[in-house]
Amino acid sequence: QVQLVESGGGLVQPGGSLRLSCAASGSIFKLYDMRWYRQSPGNQRELVAAITSSGSTNYADSVRGRFTISRDNARNTVYLQMNSLTPEDTAVYYCSARIPVRGDYWGQGTQVTVSS
C-alpha cells in the first residue's frame, strides 16, 4: 500500500506564497507520475500540475506561470510552489501518484485558504 502525506497548507494573504509537500512511501518513487489536484466547495476536483517520472511537467492554464511542481526522488517527495496566490486558489489540495501496474493513489488533502 502506498501512502501519500501532504503538508504545507494554511492561510495566506492574496499575493503571498506557499509551498506544499507530498511525501510518498515506497521504494520506487522515481517511477511514479505525480500530480497535484484541488477541489473547492461546489466544484469538481481539477488537475493543477503534474510531473512525470522523467521530470516533464504540465500545468492548468489558471496556474501556469505562478505555480511550480518539482520532485526530489532522494526524499520521495513532490512539491508545489505556489506564488502570487489569489482567493480563487482557495481549495483543498490533493497529491496523487500514478504507479505503473498498480494504479492511482491519493493523499488526504491539505487546505489552502487565500484571504485578507
N, C-alpha and C. Protein backbone atom coordinates (compact mmCIF):
# COMPACT_ATOMS: atom_id res chain seq x y z
N GLN A 1 0.84 -1.19 0.00
CA GLN A 1 0.00 0.00 0.00
C GLN A 1 0.88 1.25 0.00
N VAL A 2 0.60 2.14 -0.90
CA VAL A 2 1.36 3.39 -1.00
C VAL A 2 0.64 4.46 -0.19
N GLN A 3 1.38 5.17 0.62
CA GLN A 3 0.81 6.26 1.39
C GLN A 3 1.38 7.59 0.93
N LEU A 4 0.51 8.58 0.85
CA LEU A 4 0.88 9.93 0.46
C LEU A 4 0.44 10.87 1.58
N VAL A 5 1.36 11.71 2.04
CA VAL A 5 1.06 12.62 3.13
C VAL A 5 1.41 14.04 2.69
N GLU A 6 0.36 14.89 2.56
CA GLU A 6 0.57 16.29 2.18
C GLU A 6 0.81 17.14 3.41
N SER A 7 1.53 18.22 3.21
CA SER A 7 1.74 19.22 4.25
C SER A 7 2.02 20.56 3.60
N GLY A 8 1.95 21.62 4.42
CA GLY A 8 2.31 22.94 3.93
C GLY A 8 1.14 23.86 3.66
N GLY A 9 -0.08 23.36 3.78
CA GLY A 9 -1.22 24.24 3.58
C GLY A 9 -1.38 25.22 4.72
N GLY A 10 -2.32 26.17 4.52
CA GLY A 10 -2.57 27.14 5.57
C GLY A 10 -3.27 28.37 5.02
N LEU A 11 -3.25 29.41 5.82
CA LEU A 11 -3.87 30.69 5.46
C LEU A 11 -2.79 31.66 4.99
N VAL A 12 -3.03 32.28 3.85
CA VAL A 12 -2.07 33.22 3.30
C VAL A 12 -2.84 34.39 2.68
N GLN A 13 -2.24 35.55 2.70
CA GLN A 13 -2.87 36.72 2.12
C GLN A 13 -2.74 36.71 0.60
N PRO A 14 -3.66 37.36 -0.09
CA PRO A 14 -3.53 37.48 -1.56
C PRO A 14 -2.16 38.04 -1.93
N GLY A 15 -1.57 37.44 -2.97
CA GLY A 15 -0.24 37.84 -3.39
C GLY A 15 0.87 37.07 -2.71
N GLY A 16 0.52 36.30 -1.71
CA GLY A 16 1.52 35.55 -0.97
C GLY A 16 1.88 34.23 -1.62
N SER A 17 2.71 33.47 -0.91
CA SER A 17 3.22 32.20 -1.43
C SER A 17 3.09 31.11 -0.39
N LEU A 18 2.98 29.89 -0.88
CA LEU A 18 3.03 28.70 -0.05
C LEU A 18 3.75 27.61 -0.82
N ARG A 19 4.35 26.69 -0.09
CA ARG A 19 4.92 25.51 -0.72
C ARG A 19 4.30 24.28 -0.09
N LEU A 20 3.64 23.50 -0.91
CA LEU A 20 3.08 22.23 -0.47
C LEU A 20 4.08 21.11 -0.70
N SER A 21 4.06 20.15 0.21
CA SER A 21 4.90 18.96 0.07
C SER A 21 4.03 17.72 0.14
N CYS A 22 4.48 16.69 -0.54
CA CYS A 22 3.78 15.40 -0.51
C CYS A 22 4.85 14.32 -0.40
N ALA A 23 4.86 13.67 0.75
CA ALA A 23 5.82 12.60 0.99
C ALA A 23 5.17 11.26 0.68
N ALA A 24 5.85 10.45 -0.11
CA ALA A 24 5.30 9.17 -0.56
C ALA A 24 6.10 8.01 0.02
N SER A 25 5.39 6.94 0.30
CA SER A 25 6.06 5.72 0.71
C SER A 25 6.41 4.91 -0.52
N GLY A 26 7.24 3.88 -0.34
CA GLY A 26 7.57 3.02 -1.45
C GLY A 26 8.99 3.20 -1.94
N SER A 27 9.54 2.15 -2.47
CA SER A 27 10.94 2.15 -2.87
C SER A 27 11.14 2.50 -4.34
N ILE A 28 10.04 2.70 -5.06
CA ILE A 28 10.16 3.01 -6.49
C ILE A 28 9.53 4.34 -6.82
N PHE A 29 9.65 5.29 -5.87
CA PHE A 29 9.05 6.62 -6.08
C PHE A 29 9.48 7.21 -7.41
N LYS A 30 10.70 6.96 -7.80
CA LYS A 30 11.21 7.57 -9.03
C LYS A 30 10.41 7.14 -10.26
N LEU A 31 9.64 6.07 -10.14
CA LEU A 31 8.82 5.60 -11.26
C LEU A 31 7.40 6.17 -11.23
N TYR A 32 7.05 6.88 -10.15
CA TYR A 32 5.70 7.39 -10.03
C TYR A 32 5.53 8.64 -10.87
N ASP A 33 4.41 8.77 -11.57
CA ASP A 33 3.96 10.05 -12.10
C ASP A 33 3.16 10.73 -10.99
N MET A 34 3.50 11.96 -10.68
CA MET A 34 2.88 12.65 -9.55
C MET A 34 2.04 13.83 -10.03
N ARG A 35 0.95 14.05 -9.30
CA ARG A 35 0.04 15.14 -9.67
C ARG A 35 -0.44 15.86 -8.41
N TRP A 36 -0.76 17.13 -8.60
CA TRP A 36 -1.49 17.89 -7.60
C TRP A 36 -2.85 18.26 -8.19
N TYR A 37 -3.88 17.99 -7.40
CA TYR A 37 -5.24 18.38 -7.73
C TYR A 37 -5.74 19.34 -6.65
N ARG A 38 -6.84 20.01 -6.96
CA ARG A 38 -7.51 20.82 -5.94
C ARG A 38 -9.01 20.76 -6.13
N GLN A 39 -9.70 20.99 -5.03
CA GLN A 39 -11.16 20.99 -5.07
C GLN A 39 -11.67 22.03 -4.09
N SER A 40 -12.50 22.92 -4.60
CA SER A 40 -13.14 23.93 -3.76
C SER A 40 -14.62 23.58 -3.65
N PRO A 41 -15.30 24.09 -2.62
CA PRO A 41 -16.71 23.74 -2.40
C PRO A 41 -17.58 24.01 -3.63
N GLY A 42 -18.36 23.02 -4.01
CA GLY A 42 -19.27 23.16 -5.13
C GLY A 42 -18.64 22.94 -6.49
N ASN A 43 -17.35 22.64 -6.50
CA ASN A 43 -16.63 22.45 -7.77
C ASN A 43 -16.05 21.04 -7.86
N GLN A 44 -15.82 20.63 -9.09
CA GLN A 44 -15.17 19.33 -9.30
C GLN A 44 -13.68 19.43 -9.00
N ARG A 45 -13.12 18.29 -8.68
CA ARG A 45 -11.67 18.26 -8.47
C ARG A 45 -10.99 18.52 -9.81
N GLU A 46 -10.00 19.40 -9.79
CA GLU A 46 -9.31 19.75 -11.03
C GLU A 46 -7.81 19.50 -10.89
N LEU A 47 -7.22 19.11 -12.01
CA LEU A 47 -5.79 18.91 -12.06
C LEU A 47 -5.09 20.26 -12.09
N VAL A 48 -4.14 20.45 -11.19
CA VAL A 48 -3.40 21.70 -11.09
C VAL A 48 -2.05 21.59 -11.79
N ALA A 49 -1.32 20.53 -11.47
CA ALA A 49 0.03 20.36 -12.02
C ALA A 49 0.40 18.90 -11.98
N ALA A 50 1.28 18.51 -12.91
CA ALA A 50 1.72 17.12 -12.99
C ALA A 50 3.19 17.07 -13.33
N ILE A 51 3.85 16.03 -12.85
CA ILE A 51 5.25 15.80 -13.20
C ILE A 51 5.43 14.30 -13.40
N THR A 52 6.03 13.95 -14.53
CA THR A 52 6.22 12.54 -14.83
C THR A 52 7.47 12.00 -14.13
N SER A 53 7.64 10.70 -14.27
CA SER A 53 8.83 10.08 -13.68
C SER A 53 10.11 10.61 -14.32
N SER A 54 10.01 11.07 -15.55
CA SER A 54 11.18 11.61 -16.24
C SER A 54 11.36 13.11 -16.03
N GLY A 55 10.43 13.72 -15.29
CA GLY A 55 10.57 15.13 -14.96
C GLY A 55 9.81 16.10 -15.85
N SER A 56 9.05 15.61 -16.80
CA SER A 56 8.23 16.51 -17.62
C SER A 56 7.08 17.06 -16.80
N THR A 57 6.77 18.32 -17.01
CA THR A 57 5.73 18.98 -16.21
C THR A 57 4.60 19.50 -17.09
N ASN A 58 3.46 19.67 -16.45
CA ASN A 58 2.30 20.23 -17.13
C ASN A 58 1.47 20.97 -16.09
N TYR A 59 0.81 22.05 -16.53
CA TYR A 59 0.07 22.90 -15.60
C TYR A 59 -1.30 23.26 -16.17
N ALA A 60 -2.24 23.48 -15.26
CA ALA A 60 -3.51 24.06 -15.66
C ALA A 60 -3.27 25.51 -16.09
N ASP A 61 -4.07 25.98 -17.03
CA ASP A 61 -3.90 27.34 -17.53
C ASP A 61 -4.02 28.36 -16.40
N SER A 62 -4.85 28.06 -15.42
CA SER A 62 -5.11 29.02 -14.35
C SER A 62 -3.93 29.22 -13.41
N VAL A 63 -2.96 28.31 -13.44
CA VAL A 63 -1.83 28.43 -12.51
C VAL A 63 -0.49 28.55 -13.23
N ARG A 64 -0.49 28.37 -14.54
CA ARG A 64 0.78 28.40 -15.28
C ARG A 64 1.44 29.75 -15.09
N GLY A 65 2.72 29.71 -14.76
CA GLY A 65 3.47 30.94 -14.52
C GLY A 65 3.49 31.35 -13.06
N ARG A 66 2.59 30.78 -12.26
CA ARG A 66 2.54 31.11 -10.83
C ARG A 66 2.94 29.92 -9.96
N PHE A 67 2.60 28.72 -10.40
CA PHE A 67 2.88 27.51 -9.63
C PHE A 67 4.00 26.72 -10.30
N THR A 68 4.78 26.04 -9.48
CA THR A 68 5.84 25.18 -9.99
C THR A 68 5.82 23.84 -9.26
N ILE A 69 5.75 22.77 -10.02
CA ILE A 69 5.81 21.42 -9.45
C ILE A 69 7.23 20.90 -9.62
N SER A 70 7.71 20.21 -8.60
CA SER A 70 9.05 19.63 -8.66
C SER A 70 9.07 18.37 -7.81
N ARG A 71 10.12 17.60 -7.96
CA ARG A 71 10.22 16.37 -7.20
C ARG A 71 11.65 16.15 -6.75
N ASP A 72 11.78 15.48 -5.62
CA ASP A 72 13.08 15.09 -5.08
C ASP A 72 13.00 13.58 -4.85
N ASN A 73 13.54 12.82 -5.78
CA ASN A 73 13.42 11.37 -5.69
C ASN A 73 14.20 10.80 -4.51
N ALA A 74 15.25 11.50 -4.09
CA ALA A 74 16.01 11.02 -2.93
C ALA A 74 15.19 11.12 -1.65
N ARG A 75 14.25 12.05 -1.63
CA ARG A 75 13.40 12.25 -0.45
C ARG A 75 12.00 11.70 -0.63
N ASN A 76 11.73 11.06 -1.78
CA ASN A 76 10.38 10.55 -2.06
C ASN A 76 9.32 11.64 -1.89
N THR A 77 9.61 12.81 -2.37
CA THR A 77 8.74 13.96 -2.13
C THR A 77 8.50 14.74 -3.41
N VAL A 78 7.27 15.20 -3.56
CA VAL A 78 6.92 16.12 -4.64
C VAL A 78 6.45 17.43 -3.99
N TYR A 79 6.75 18.53 -4.65
CA TYR A 79 6.44 19.86 -4.11
C TYR A 79 5.55 20.62 -5.09
N LEU A 80 4.83 21.56 -4.53
CA LEU A 80 4.09 22.52 -5.34
C LEU A 80 4.36 23.90 -4.76
N GLN A 81 5.19 24.67 -5.45
CA GLN A 81 5.46 26.06 -5.06
C GLN A 81 4.38 26.93 -5.66
N MET A 82 3.67 27.65 -4.82
CA MET A 82 2.56 28.48 -5.26
C MET A 82 2.86 29.94 -4.95
N ASN A 83 2.95 30.76 -5.97
CA ASN A 83 3.23 32.18 -5.82
C ASN A 83 2.05 33.01 -6.34
N SER A 84 2.04 34.27 -5.97
CA SER A 84 1.00 35.21 -6.42
C SER A 84 -0.40 34.62 -6.22
N LEU A 85 -0.63 34.13 -5.04
CA LEU A 85 -1.90 33.46 -4.76
C LEU A 85 -3.06 34.45 -4.74
N THR A 86 -4.20 33.96 -5.20
CA THR A 86 -5.43 34.76 -5.21
C THR A 86 -6.51 33.98 -4.46
N PRO A 87 -7.58 34.66 -4.07
CA PRO A 87 -8.67 33.94 -3.39
C PRO A 87 -9.22 32.78 -4.20
N GLU A 88 -9.10 32.85 -5.52
CA GLU A 88 -9.59 31.77 -6.38
C GLU A 88 -8.75 30.49 -6.24
N ASP A 89 -7.60 30.59 -5.62
CA ASP A 89 -6.76 29.41 -5.38
C ASP A 89 -7.17 28.68 -4.10
N THR A 90 -8.09 29.24 -3.36
CA THR A 90 -8.55 28.58 -2.13
C THR A 90 -9.21 27.24 -2.45
N ALA A 91 -8.72 26.20 -1.82
CA ALA A 91 -9.22 24.85 -2.09
C ALA A 91 -8.50 23.86 -1.19
N VAL A 92 -9.00 22.64 -1.20
CA VAL A 92 -8.23 21.53 -0.62
C VAL A 92 -7.35 20.98 -1.74
N TYR A 93 -6.07 20.88 -1.46
CA TYR A 93 -5.11 20.40 -2.45
C TYR A 93 -4.74 18.95 -2.13
N TYR A 94 -4.81 18.13 -3.17
CA TYR A 94 -4.55 16.70 -3.03
C TYR A 94 -3.36 16.28 -3.88
N CYS A 95 -2.57 15.43 -3.31
CA CYS A 95 -1.45 14.82 -4.02
C CYS A 95 -1.91 13.45 -4.53
N SER A 96 -1.47 13.10 -5.73
CA SER A 96 -1.84 11.82 -6.31
C SER A 96 -0.62 11.20 -6.99
N ALA A 97 -0.52 9.90 -6.85
CA ALA A 97 0.55 9.14 -7.50
C ALA A 97 -0.04 8.12 -8.46
N ARG A 98 0.47 8.09 -9.65
CA ARG A 98 0.10 7.05 -10.62
C ARG A 98 1.29 6.11 -10.72
N ILE A 99 1.03 4.87 -10.32
CA ILE A 99 2.12 3.90 -10.21
C ILE A 99 1.94 2.82 -11.26
N PRO A 100 2.98 2.52 -12.01
CA PRO A 100 2.86 1.51 -13.05
C PRO A 100 2.25 0.21 -12.52
N VAL A 101 1.26 -0.27 -13.24
CA VAL A 101 0.58 -1.54 -12.96
C VAL A 101 -0.39 -1.41 -11.78
N ARG A 102 -0.04 -0.64 -10.76
CA ARG A 102 -0.81 -0.63 -9.52
C ARG A 102 -1.93 0.40 -9.50
N GLY A 103 -1.85 1.43 -10.31
CA GLY A 103 -2.94 2.40 -10.36
C GLY A 103 -2.66 3.69 -9.63
N ASP A 104 -3.76 4.38 -9.25
CA ASP A 104 -3.68 5.70 -8.65
C ASP A 104 -3.88 5.65 -7.14
N TYR A 105 -3.10 6.48 -6.45
CA TYR A 105 -3.22 6.62 -5.01
C TYR A 105 -3.36 8.10 -4.67
N TRP A 106 -4.04 8.37 -3.52
CA TRP A 106 -4.34 9.74 -3.15
C TRP A 106 -3.94 10.01 -1.70
N GLY A 107 -3.55 11.26 -1.46
CA GLY A 107 -3.35 11.71 -0.11
C GLY A 107 -4.64 12.21 0.50
N GLN A 108 -4.57 12.67 1.74
CA GLN A 108 -5.77 13.08 2.46
C GLN A 108 -6.15 14.52 2.19
N GLY A 109 -5.26 15.27 1.58
CA GLY A 109 -5.54 16.66 1.24
C GLY A 109 -5.03 17.63 2.29
N THR A 110 -4.74 18.83 1.83
CA THR A 110 -4.34 19.92 2.73
C THR A 110 -5.05 21.19 2.30
N GLN A 111 -5.58 21.92 3.27
CA GLN A 111 -6.38 23.11 2.98
C GLN A 111 -5.48 24.31 2.71
N VAL A 112 -5.77 25.00 1.63
CA VAL A 112 -5.13 26.27 1.32
C VAL A 112 -6.21 27.34 1.28
N THR A 113 -6.05 28.37 2.08
CA THR A 113 -7.01 29.48 2.12
C THR A 113 -6.28 30.77 1.84
N VAL A 114 -6.74 31.47 0.83
CA VAL A 114 -6.14 32.76 0.46
C VAL A 114 -7.16 33.84 0.78
N SER A 115 -6.83 34.63 1.78
CA SER A 115 -7.78 35.63 2.25
C SER A 115 -7.04 36.72 3.00
N SER A 116 -7.59 37.94 2.92
CA SER A 116 -7.03 39.04 3.68
C SER A 116 -7.75 39.19 5.01
